[in-house]
């Protein structure tokens, strides 16, 4: 019986780092998913707002609703910046929000049917499509020797509703 003393201590010493690594990874993945949801909300709302910028000249000539290709991208960037700025430090504060909105890929698709250039979705109506890339730093996982920075890519599109 004496030879078995200390076995539980050995298991604890061996398993504790593994359990800590799994716990850190679970927390980081949860935080990553929350960040993705927040970013998706910001991009979705920006594209919906930009889809309301209708080309009045084209509508007057053809009677069909189209998105104004000159004004809609600027509107999308403006609302994207405002939505990202509300997220605060999770996107790098005001400067991070500005940089992400400035570097966003935004396309206006008025000739339909077409495909979203970023997600490949089929578009039946005129739409505005957006894609952002945001660096995301894992919080706990790098402390335990894991990778530290990921790049999140979020896409969205909004079609004109007639």
N, C-alpha and C. Protein backbone atom coordinates (compact mmCIF):
# COMPACT_ATOMS: atom_id res chain seq x y z
N UNK A 1 0.80 -1.19 0.00
CA UNK A 1 0.00 0.00 0.00
C UNK A 1 0.85 1.26 0.00
N UNK A 2 2.02 1.23 0.60
CA UNK A 2 2.85 2.41 0.69
C UNK A 2 3.34 2.86 -0.69
N UNK A 3 3.51 1.98 -1.64
CA UNK A 3 4.02 2.32 -2.96
C UNK A 3 3.03 3.19 -3.74
N UNK A 4 1.78 3.22 -3.36
CA UNK A 4 0.77 3.97 -4.07
C UNK A 4 0.60 5.39 -3.54
N UNK A 5 1.20 5.72 -2.48
CA UNK A 5 1.06 7.06 -1.92
C UNK A 5 1.66 8.07 -2.89
N UNK A 6 0.97 9.16 -3.12
CA UNK A 6 1.47 10.20 -3.99
C UNK A 6 1.02 10.07 -5.44
N UNK A 7 0.26 9.02 -5.76
CA UNK A 7 -0.22 8.87 -7.13
C UNK A 7 -1.18 9.99 -7.51
N UNK A 8 -2.03 10.38 -6.62
CA UNK A 8 -2.98 11.45 -6.94
C UNK A 8 -2.24 12.77 -7.16
N UNK A 9 -1.16 12.98 -6.45
CA UNK A 9 -0.36 14.19 -6.66
C UNK A 9 0.27 14.17 -8.05
N UNK A 10 0.72 13.03 -8.50
CA UNK A 10 1.31 12.89 -9.82
C UNK A 10 0.26 13.20 -10.90
N UNK A 11 -0.94 12.67 -10.74
CA UNK A 11 -2.02 12.94 -11.69
C UNK A 11 -2.35 14.43 -11.71
N UNK A 12 -2.41 15.05 -10.56
CA UNK A 12 -2.72 16.48 -10.49
C UNK A 12 -1.65 17.30 -11.19
N UNK A 13 -0.39 16.97 -10.98
CA UNK A 13 0.71 17.71 -11.60
C UNK A 13 0.69 17.55 -13.12
N UNK A 14 0.33 16.38 -13.59
CA UNK A 14 0.31 16.13 -15.03
C UNK A 14 -0.95 16.68 -15.71
N UNK A 15 -2.07 16.60 -15.05
CA UNK A 15 -3.33 16.99 -15.67
C UNK A 15 -3.67 18.48 -15.51
N UNK A 16 -3.17 19.12 -14.49
CA UNK A 16 -3.52 20.52 -14.25
C UNK A 16 -3.14 21.43 -15.42
N UNK A 17 -1.94 21.35 -15.99
CA UNK A 17 -1.63 22.22 -17.14
C UNK A 17 -2.54 21.94 -18.35
N UNK A 18 -2.86 20.69 -18.57
CA UNK A 18 -3.75 20.35 -19.68
C UNK A 18 -5.14 20.92 -19.46
N UNK A 19 -5.64 20.80 -18.27
CA UNK A 19 -6.96 21.35 -17.96
C UNK A 19 -6.97 22.88 -18.07
N UNK A 20 -5.88 23.51 -17.65
CA UNK A 20 -5.79 24.97 -17.76
C UNK A 20 -5.77 25.40 -19.23
N UNK A 21 -5.07 24.65 -20.06
CA UNK A 21 -5.02 24.95 -21.49
C UNK A 21 -6.41 24.81 -22.12
N UNK A 22 -7.12 23.76 -21.78
CA UNK A 22 -8.47 23.56 -22.31
C UNK A 22 -9.40 24.67 -21.83
N UNK A 23 -9.30 25.06 -20.58
CA UNK A 23 -10.12 26.13 -20.02
C UNK A 23 -9.82 27.47 -20.72
N UNK A 24 -8.55 27.77 -20.92
CA UNK A 24 -8.17 29.02 -21.60
C UNK A 24 -8.68 29.03 -23.04
N UNK A 25 -8.57 27.90 -23.71
CA UNK A 25 -9.05 27.81 -25.09
C UNK A 25 -10.56 27.98 -25.16
N UNK A 26 -11.28 27.40 -24.22
CA UNK A 26 -12.75 27.55 -24.20
C UNK A 26 -13.15 29.01 -23.98
N UNK A 27 -12.48 29.69 -23.08
CA UNK A 27 -12.79 31.11 -22.84
C UNK A 27 -12.47 31.94 -24.07
N UNK A 28 -11.31 31.71 -24.67
CA UNK A 28 -10.92 32.49 -25.86
C UNK A 28 -11.86 32.24 -27.04
N UNK A 29 -12.28 31.02 -27.23
CA UNK A 29 -13.21 30.74 -28.32
C UNK A 29 -14.55 31.42 -28.07
N UNK A 30 -15.01 31.43 -26.84
CA UNK A 30 -16.25 32.15 -26.50
C UNK A 30 -16.13 33.64 -26.76
N UNK A 31 -15.01 34.23 -26.36
CA UNK A 31 -14.79 35.66 -26.60
C UNK A 31 -14.66 35.96 -28.09
N UNK A 32 -14.04 35.07 -28.83
CA UNK A 32 -13.91 35.22 -30.28
C UNK A 32 -15.28 35.20 -30.95
N UNK A 33 -16.14 34.29 -30.54
CA UNK A 33 -17.48 34.22 -31.12
C UNK A 33 -18.30 35.46 -30.79
N UNK A 34 -18.15 35.98 -29.59
CA UNK A 34 -18.86 37.22 -29.23
C UNK A 34 -18.37 38.38 -30.09
N UNK A 35 -17.07 38.46 -30.33
CA UNK A 35 -16.52 39.52 -31.17
C UNK A 35 -17.03 39.38 -32.60
N UNK A 36 -17.11 38.17 -33.11
CA UNK A 36 -17.64 37.96 -34.45
C UNK A 36 -19.09 38.41 -34.55
N UNK A 37 -19.88 38.12 -33.54
CA UNK A 37 -21.28 38.56 -33.54
C UNK A 37 -21.39 40.08 -33.52
N UNK A 38 -20.57 40.74 -32.72
CA UNK A 38 -20.59 42.20 -32.67
C UNK A 38 -20.18 42.81 -34.01
N UNK A 39 -19.14 42.25 -34.62
CA UNK A 39 -18.68 42.76 -35.91
C UNK A 39 -19.71 42.51 -37.00
N UNK A 40 -20.34 41.34 -36.98
CA UNK A 40 -21.38 41.05 -37.97
C UNK A 40 -22.52 42.04 -37.84
N UNK A 41 -22.91 42.34 -36.61
CA UNK A 41 -23.97 43.33 -36.40
C UNK A 41 -23.57 44.67 -37.00
N UNK A 42 -22.35 45.10 -36.77
CA UNK A 42 -21.89 46.40 -37.27
C UNK A 42 -21.91 46.44 -38.80
N UNK A 43 -21.44 45.38 -39.44
CA UNK A 43 -21.40 45.35 -40.90
C UNK A 43 -22.81 45.21 -41.47
N UNK A 44 -23.63 44.37 -40.87
CA UNK A 44 -25.01 44.21 -41.34
C UNK A 44 -25.77 45.53 -41.30
N UNK A 45 -25.65 46.25 -40.20
CA UNK A 45 -26.37 47.52 -40.07
C UNK A 45 -25.84 48.55 -41.06
N UNK A 46 -24.55 48.55 -41.31
CA UNK A 46 -23.97 49.50 -42.27
C UNK A 46 -24.48 49.21 -43.68
N UNK A 47 -24.56 47.95 -44.07
CA UNK A 47 -25.05 47.63 -45.42
C UNK A 47 -26.54 47.91 -45.55
N UNK A 48 -27.30 47.66 -44.50
CA UNK A 48 -28.74 47.97 -44.56
C UNK A 48 -28.95 49.47 -44.71
N UNK A 49 -28.20 50.26 -43.96
CA UNK A 49 -28.32 51.71 -44.08
C UNK A 49 -27.91 52.18 -45.47
N UNK A 50 -26.84 51.61 -46.02
CA UNK A 50 -26.37 52.03 -47.34
C UNK A 50 -27.32 51.58 -48.45
N UNK A 51 -28.06 50.50 -48.24
CA UNK A 51 -29.00 50.02 -49.26
C UNK A 51 -30.18 50.95 -49.43
N UNK A 52 -30.35 51.89 -48.52
CA UNK A 52 -31.45 52.85 -48.65
C UNK A 52 -31.07 54.06 -49.50
N UNK A 53 -29.82 54.13 -49.93
CA UNK A 53 -29.36 55.26 -50.75
C UNK A 53 -29.68 54.92 -52.21
N UNK A 54 -30.85 55.36 -52.65
CA UNK A 54 -31.35 55.03 -53.98
C UNK A 54 -30.89 56.06 -55.00
N UNK A 55 -30.56 55.58 -56.20
CA UNK A 55 -30.16 56.44 -57.31
C UNK A 55 -31.42 57.05 -57.92
N UNK A 56 -31.71 58.30 -57.57
CA UNK A 56 -32.94 58.96 -58.02
C UNK A 56 -32.95 59.17 -59.53
N UNK A 57 -31.81 59.45 -60.12
CA UNK A 57 -31.74 59.66 -61.57
C UNK A 57 -32.10 58.38 -62.31
N UNK A 58 -31.52 57.27 -61.91
CA UNK A 58 -31.81 55.99 -62.55
C UNK A 58 -33.27 55.60 -62.35
N UNK A 59 -33.82 55.89 -61.19
CA UNK A 59 -35.22 55.57 -60.93
C UNK A 59 -36.13 56.41 -61.82
N UNK A 60 -35.79 57.69 -61.99
CA UNK A 60 -36.59 58.56 -62.85
C UNK A 60 -36.56 58.13 -64.31
N UNK A 61 -35.44 57.58 -64.76
CA UNK A 61 -35.30 57.18 -66.16
C UNK A 61 -35.87 55.79 -66.43
N UNK A 62 -35.67 54.86 -65.50
CA UNK A 62 -36.06 53.47 -65.75
C UNK A 62 -37.26 53.00 -64.94
N UNK A 63 -37.55 53.67 -63.85
CA UNK A 63 -38.63 53.23 -62.97
C UNK A 63 -38.22 52.06 -62.08
N UNK A 64 -36.93 51.68 -62.07
CA UNK A 64 -36.44 50.60 -61.23
C UNK A 64 -35.54 51.17 -60.14
N UNK A 65 -35.64 50.58 -58.96
CA UNK A 65 -34.78 51.01 -57.85
C UNK A 65 -33.37 50.47 -58.05
N UNK A 66 -32.41 51.35 -57.89
CA UNK A 66 -31.00 50.97 -57.90
C UNK A 66 -30.29 51.73 -56.79
N UNK A 67 -29.19 51.16 -56.34
CA UNK A 67 -28.38 51.81 -55.31
C UNK A 67 -27.46 52.81 -56.00
N UNK A 68 -27.34 53.98 -55.40
CA UNK A 68 -26.47 55.03 -55.95
C UNK A 68 -25.01 54.61 -55.76
N UNK A 69 -24.30 54.29 -56.86
CA UNK A 69 -22.92 53.81 -56.71
C UNK A 69 -21.94 54.88 -56.24
N UNK A 70 -22.33 56.15 -56.34
CA UNK A 70 -21.42 57.22 -55.90
C UNK A 70 -21.57 57.51 -54.40
N UNK A 71 -22.78 57.41 -53.87
CA UNK A 71 -23.03 57.78 -52.47
C UNK A 71 -23.08 56.60 -51.50
N UNK A 72 -23.52 55.44 -51.96
CA UNK A 72 -23.73 54.31 -51.05
C UNK A 72 -22.45 53.82 -50.37
N UNK A 73 -21.32 53.69 -51.06
CA UNK A 73 -20.11 53.23 -50.35
C UNK A 73 -19.69 54.17 -49.21
N UNK A 74 -19.80 55.47 -49.44
CA UNK A 74 -19.46 56.43 -48.38
C UNK A 74 -20.41 56.32 -47.21
N UNK A 75 -21.70 56.11 -47.52
CA UNK A 75 -22.69 55.93 -46.45
C UNK A 75 -22.38 54.66 -45.66
N UNK A 76 -22.04 53.59 -46.36
CA UNK A 76 -21.70 52.33 -45.67
C UNK A 76 -20.49 52.52 -44.77
N UNK A 77 -19.46 53.21 -45.26
CA UNK A 77 -18.26 53.45 -44.44
C UNK A 77 -18.58 54.31 -43.21
N UNK A 78 -19.42 55.32 -43.41
CA UNK A 78 -19.79 56.19 -42.30
C UNK A 78 -20.52 55.41 -41.21
N UNK A 79 -21.53 54.63 -41.60
CA UNK A 79 -22.27 53.86 -40.60
C UNK A 79 -21.42 52.74 -40.01
N UNK A 80 -20.54 52.16 -40.82
CA UNK A 80 -19.65 51.14 -40.30
C UNK A 80 -18.75 51.73 -39.23
N UNK A 81 -18.20 52.90 -39.50
CA UNK A 81 -17.36 53.57 -38.50
C UNK A 81 -18.15 53.83 -37.22
N UNK A 82 -19.36 54.37 -37.35
CA UNK A 82 -20.17 54.68 -36.16
C UNK A 82 -20.50 53.42 -35.37
N UNK A 83 -20.84 52.34 -36.07
CA UNK A 83 -21.17 51.08 -35.40
C UNK A 83 -19.94 50.47 -34.73
N UNK A 84 -18.80 50.52 -35.40
CA UNK A 84 -17.58 49.97 -34.81
C UNK A 84 -17.09 50.81 -33.63
N UNK A 85 -17.26 52.14 -33.72
CA UNK A 85 -16.83 53.01 -32.62
C UNK A 85 -17.61 52.69 -31.35
N UNK A 86 -18.85 52.22 -31.49
CA UNK A 86 -19.64 51.84 -30.32
C UNK A 86 -19.08 50.61 -29.62
N UNK A 87 -18.29 49.82 -30.37
CA UNK A 87 -17.69 48.62 -29.76
C UNK A 87 -16.49 48.96 -28.89
N UNK A 88 -15.94 50.16 -29.07
CA UNK A 88 -14.87 50.65 -28.20
C UNK A 88 -13.55 49.95 -28.38
N UNK A 89 -12.96 49.56 -27.27
CA UNK A 89 -11.60 49.04 -27.29
C UNK A 89 -11.48 47.68 -27.96
N UNK A 90 -12.58 46.97 -28.14
CA UNK A 90 -12.48 45.64 -28.74
C UNK A 90 -12.06 45.70 -30.21
N UNK A 91 -12.17 46.87 -30.85
CA UNK A 91 -11.69 47.03 -32.23
C UNK A 91 -10.56 48.04 -32.30
N UNK A 92 -10.00 48.40 -31.18
CA UNK A 92 -8.88 49.34 -31.17
C UNK A 92 -9.30 50.78 -30.97
N UNK A 93 -10.48 50.99 -30.41
CA UNK A 93 -10.95 52.35 -30.14
C UNK A 93 -11.33 53.09 -31.40
N UNK A 94 -11.33 54.41 -31.31
CA UNK A 94 -11.76 55.25 -32.42
C UNK A 94 -10.85 55.10 -33.64
N UNK A 95 -9.55 55.03 -33.43
CA UNK A 95 -8.62 54.87 -34.55
C UNK A 95 -8.80 53.53 -35.24
N UNK A 96 -9.03 52.48 -34.47
CA UNK A 96 -9.26 51.16 -35.05
C UNK A 96 -10.53 51.13 -35.86
N UNK A 97 -11.59 51.74 -35.34
CA UNK A 97 -12.86 51.78 -36.06
C UNK A 97 -12.69 52.54 -37.37
N UNK A 98 -11.97 53.65 -37.32
CA UNK A 98 -11.74 54.44 -38.54
C UNK A 98 -10.95 53.64 -39.57
N UNK A 99 -9.91 52.96 -39.13
CA UNK A 99 -9.06 52.18 -40.04
C UNK A 99 -9.85 51.03 -40.67
N UNK A 100 -10.63 50.32 -39.87
CA UNK A 100 -11.42 49.20 -40.39
C UNK A 100 -12.44 49.70 -41.40
N UNK A 101 -13.13 50.80 -41.08
CA UNK A 101 -14.14 51.35 -42.01
C UNK A 101 -13.47 51.86 -43.29
N UNK A 102 -12.33 52.49 -43.16
CA UNK A 102 -11.62 53.01 -44.33
C UNK A 102 -11.16 51.87 -45.25
N UNK A 103 -10.68 50.77 -44.66
CA UNK A 103 -10.13 49.67 -45.44
C UNK A 103 -11.17 48.63 -45.86
N UNK A 104 -12.43 48.84 -45.50
CA UNK A 104 -13.48 47.87 -45.85
C UNK A 104 -13.64 47.77 -47.36
N UNK A 105 -13.89 46.56 -47.83
CA UNK A 105 -14.19 46.33 -49.24
C UNK A 105 -15.70 46.50 -49.40
N UNK A 106 -16.11 47.44 -50.24
CA UNK A 106 -17.54 47.72 -50.43
C UNK A 106 -17.83 47.76 -51.92
N UNK A 107 -18.85 47.00 -52.34
CA UNK A 107 -19.23 46.94 -53.75
C UNK A 107 -20.73 47.19 -53.89
N UNK A 108 -21.09 47.93 -54.92
CA UNK A 108 -22.49 48.16 -55.26
C UNK A 108 -22.80 47.30 -56.48
N UNK A 109 -23.80 46.47 -56.39
CA UNK A 109 -24.21 45.58 -57.48
C UNK A 109 -25.60 46.01 -57.94
N UNK A 110 -25.69 46.59 -59.12
CA UNK A 110 -26.98 47.00 -59.66
C UNK A 110 -27.45 46.12 -60.81
N UNK A 111 -26.54 45.41 -61.46
CA UNK A 111 -26.89 44.51 -62.56
C UNK A 111 -27.14 43.12 -61.98
N UNK A 112 -28.40 42.72 -61.96
CA UNK A 112 -28.77 41.43 -61.35
C UNK A 112 -29.44 40.55 -62.39
N UNK A 113 -29.44 39.23 -62.23
CA UNK A 113 -28.86 38.48 -61.11
C UNK A 113 -27.34 38.53 -61.14
N UNK A 114 -26.78 38.44 -59.97
CA UNK A 114 -25.32 38.51 -59.82
C UNK A 114 -24.93 37.75 -58.55
N UNK A 115 -23.64 37.71 -58.31
CA UNK A 115 -23.11 37.07 -57.09
C UNK A 115 -22.41 38.10 -56.24
N UNK A 116 -22.57 37.94 -54.94
CA UNK A 116 -21.83 38.77 -53.99
C UNK A 116 -20.34 38.45 -54.19
N UNK A 117 -19.51 39.47 -54.46
CA UNK A 117 -18.10 39.19 -54.73
C UNK A 117 -17.32 38.67 -53.52
N UNK A 118 -17.87 38.80 -52.34
CA UNK A 118 -17.15 38.40 -51.13
C UNK A 118 -17.64 37.07 -50.56
N UNK A 119 -18.94 36.85 -50.57
CA UNK A 119 -19.47 35.61 -49.99
C UNK A 119 -19.94 34.62 -51.05
N UNK A 120 -20.16 35.08 -52.28
CA UNK A 120 -20.64 34.20 -53.34
C UNK A 120 -22.14 34.00 -53.35
N UNK A 121 -22.87 34.70 -52.47
CA UNK A 121 -24.32 34.57 -52.41
C UNK A 121 -24.95 35.11 -53.70
N UNK A 122 -26.05 34.49 -54.10
CA UNK A 122 -26.78 34.93 -55.29
C UNK A 122 -27.64 36.13 -54.92
N UNK A 123 -27.54 37.19 -55.73
CA UNK A 123 -28.30 38.42 -55.49
C UNK A 123 -29.38 38.55 -56.57
N UNK A 124 -30.63 38.69 -56.15
CA UNK A 124 -31.74 38.83 -57.08
C UNK A 124 -32.12 40.28 -57.32
N UNK A 125 -31.72 41.15 -56.43
CA UNK A 125 -32.03 42.58 -56.53
C UNK A 125 -30.76 43.39 -56.36
N UNK A 126 -30.79 44.66 -56.75
CA UNK A 126 -29.61 45.50 -56.49
C UNK A 126 -29.21 45.42 -55.02
N UNK A 127 -27.90 45.39 -54.77
CA UNK A 127 -27.42 45.18 -53.41
C UNK A 127 -26.11 45.92 -53.19
N UNK A 128 -25.81 46.11 -51.92
CA UNK A 128 -24.49 46.60 -51.52
C UNK A 128 -23.85 45.50 -50.68
N UNK A 129 -22.60 45.19 -50.99
CA UNK A 129 -21.88 44.11 -50.34
C UNK A 129 -20.65 44.68 -49.63
N UNK A 130 -20.34 44.14 -48.47
CA UNK A 130 -19.21 44.66 -47.71
C UNK A 130 -18.43 43.50 -47.08
N UNK A 131 -17.14 43.74 -46.91
CA UNK A 131 -16.27 42.78 -46.24
C UNK A 131 -15.27 43.58 -45.40
N UNK A 132 -15.11 43.17 -44.15
CA UNK A 132 -14.11 43.81 -43.29
C UNK A 132 -13.15 42.73 -42.78
N UNK A 133 -11.95 43.18 -42.50
CA UNK A 133 -10.94 42.31 -41.89
C UNK A 133 -10.48 42.98 -40.61
N UNK A 134 -10.58 42.24 -39.52
CA UNK A 134 -10.26 42.81 -38.21
C UNK A 134 -9.28 41.90 -37.49
N UNK A 135 -8.15 42.45 -37.05
CA UNK A 135 -7.24 41.61 -36.25
C UNK A 135 -7.86 41.35 -34.88
N UNK A 136 -7.70 40.13 -34.41
CA UNK A 136 -8.23 39.78 -33.09
C UNK A 136 -7.14 39.07 -32.31
N UNK A 137 -6.87 39.57 -31.14
CA UNK A 137 -5.83 39.00 -30.28
C UNK A 137 -6.48 38.13 -29.22
N UNK A 138 -6.08 36.88 -29.19
CA UNK A 138 -6.56 35.96 -28.17
C UNK A 138 -6.02 36.45 -26.82
N UNK A 139 -6.81 36.30 -25.77
CA UNK A 139 -6.40 36.87 -24.48
C UNK A 139 -5.64 35.89 -23.59
N UNK A 140 -6.17 34.71 -23.36
CA UNK A 140 -5.54 33.78 -22.43
C UNK A 140 -4.67 32.73 -23.10
N UNK A 141 -5.06 32.31 -24.28
CA UNK A 141 -4.37 31.21 -24.94
C UNK A 141 -2.88 31.47 -25.18
N UNK A 142 -2.47 32.70 -25.59
CA UNK A 142 -1.02 32.93 -25.79
C UNK A 142 -0.21 32.80 -24.51
N UNK A 143 -0.83 33.05 -23.36
CA UNK A 143 -0.10 32.93 -22.09
C UNK A 143 0.34 31.50 -21.84
N UNK A 144 -0.39 30.57 -22.44
CA UNK A 144 -0.07 29.16 -22.25
C UNK A 144 0.70 28.58 -23.43
N UNK A 145 1.21 29.46 -24.30
CA UNK A 145 2.04 28.99 -25.40
C UNK A 145 1.31 28.83 -26.72
N UNK A 146 0.06 29.24 -26.81
CA UNK A 146 -0.70 29.10 -28.05
C UNK A 146 -0.51 30.30 -28.95
N UNK A 147 -1.14 30.25 -30.12
CA UNK A 147 -1.06 31.36 -31.08
C UNK A 147 -1.78 32.57 -30.51
N UNK A 148 -1.40 33.76 -30.97
CA UNK A 148 -1.92 34.97 -30.35
C UNK A 148 -2.88 35.79 -31.17
N UNK A 149 -2.59 36.02 -32.46
CA UNK A 149 -3.41 36.94 -33.23
C UNK A 149 -4.06 36.22 -34.41
N UNK A 150 -5.33 36.47 -34.61
CA UNK A 150 -6.09 35.94 -35.73
C UNK A 150 -6.64 37.11 -36.52
N UNK A 151 -7.05 36.85 -37.73
CA UNK A 151 -7.72 37.88 -38.51
C UNK A 151 -9.14 37.40 -38.78
N UNK A 152 -10.11 38.18 -38.32
CA UNK A 152 -11.51 37.87 -38.56
C UNK A 152 -11.95 38.54 -39.85
N UNK A 153 -12.62 37.81 -40.71
CA UNK A 153 -13.17 38.36 -41.94
C UNK A 153 -14.68 38.23 -41.86
N UNK A 154 -15.37 39.35 -41.95
CA UNK A 154 -16.82 39.38 -41.85
C UNK A 154 -17.38 39.95 -43.15
N UNK A 155 -18.36 39.26 -43.73
CA UNK A 155 -19.01 39.75 -44.95
C UNK A 155 -20.49 39.95 -44.69
N UNK A 156 -21.07 40.84 -45.49
CA UNK A 156 -22.50 41.11 -45.39
C UNK A 156 -22.99 41.70 -46.70
N UNK A 157 -24.27 41.56 -46.96
CA UNK A 157 -24.87 42.25 -48.09
C UNK A 157 -26.29 42.62 -47.74
N UNK A 158 -26.79 43.65 -48.38
CA UNK A 158 -28.17 44.08 -48.18
C UNK A 158 -28.74 44.43 -49.55
N UNK A 159 -29.91 43.86 -49.85
CA UNK A 159 -30.56 44.11 -51.12
C UNK A 159 -31.62 45.20 -50.98
N UNK A 160 -31.88 45.87 -52.10
CA UNK A 160 -32.93 46.90 -52.13
C UNK A 160 -34.26 46.16 -52.07
N UNK A 161 -35.13 46.63 -51.20
CA UNK A 161 -36.48 46.05 -51.10
C UNK A 161 -37.45 46.94 -51.87
N UNK A 162 -38.12 46.36 -52.83
CA UNK A 162 -39.04 47.16 -53.63
C UNK A 162 -40.48 47.00 -53.18
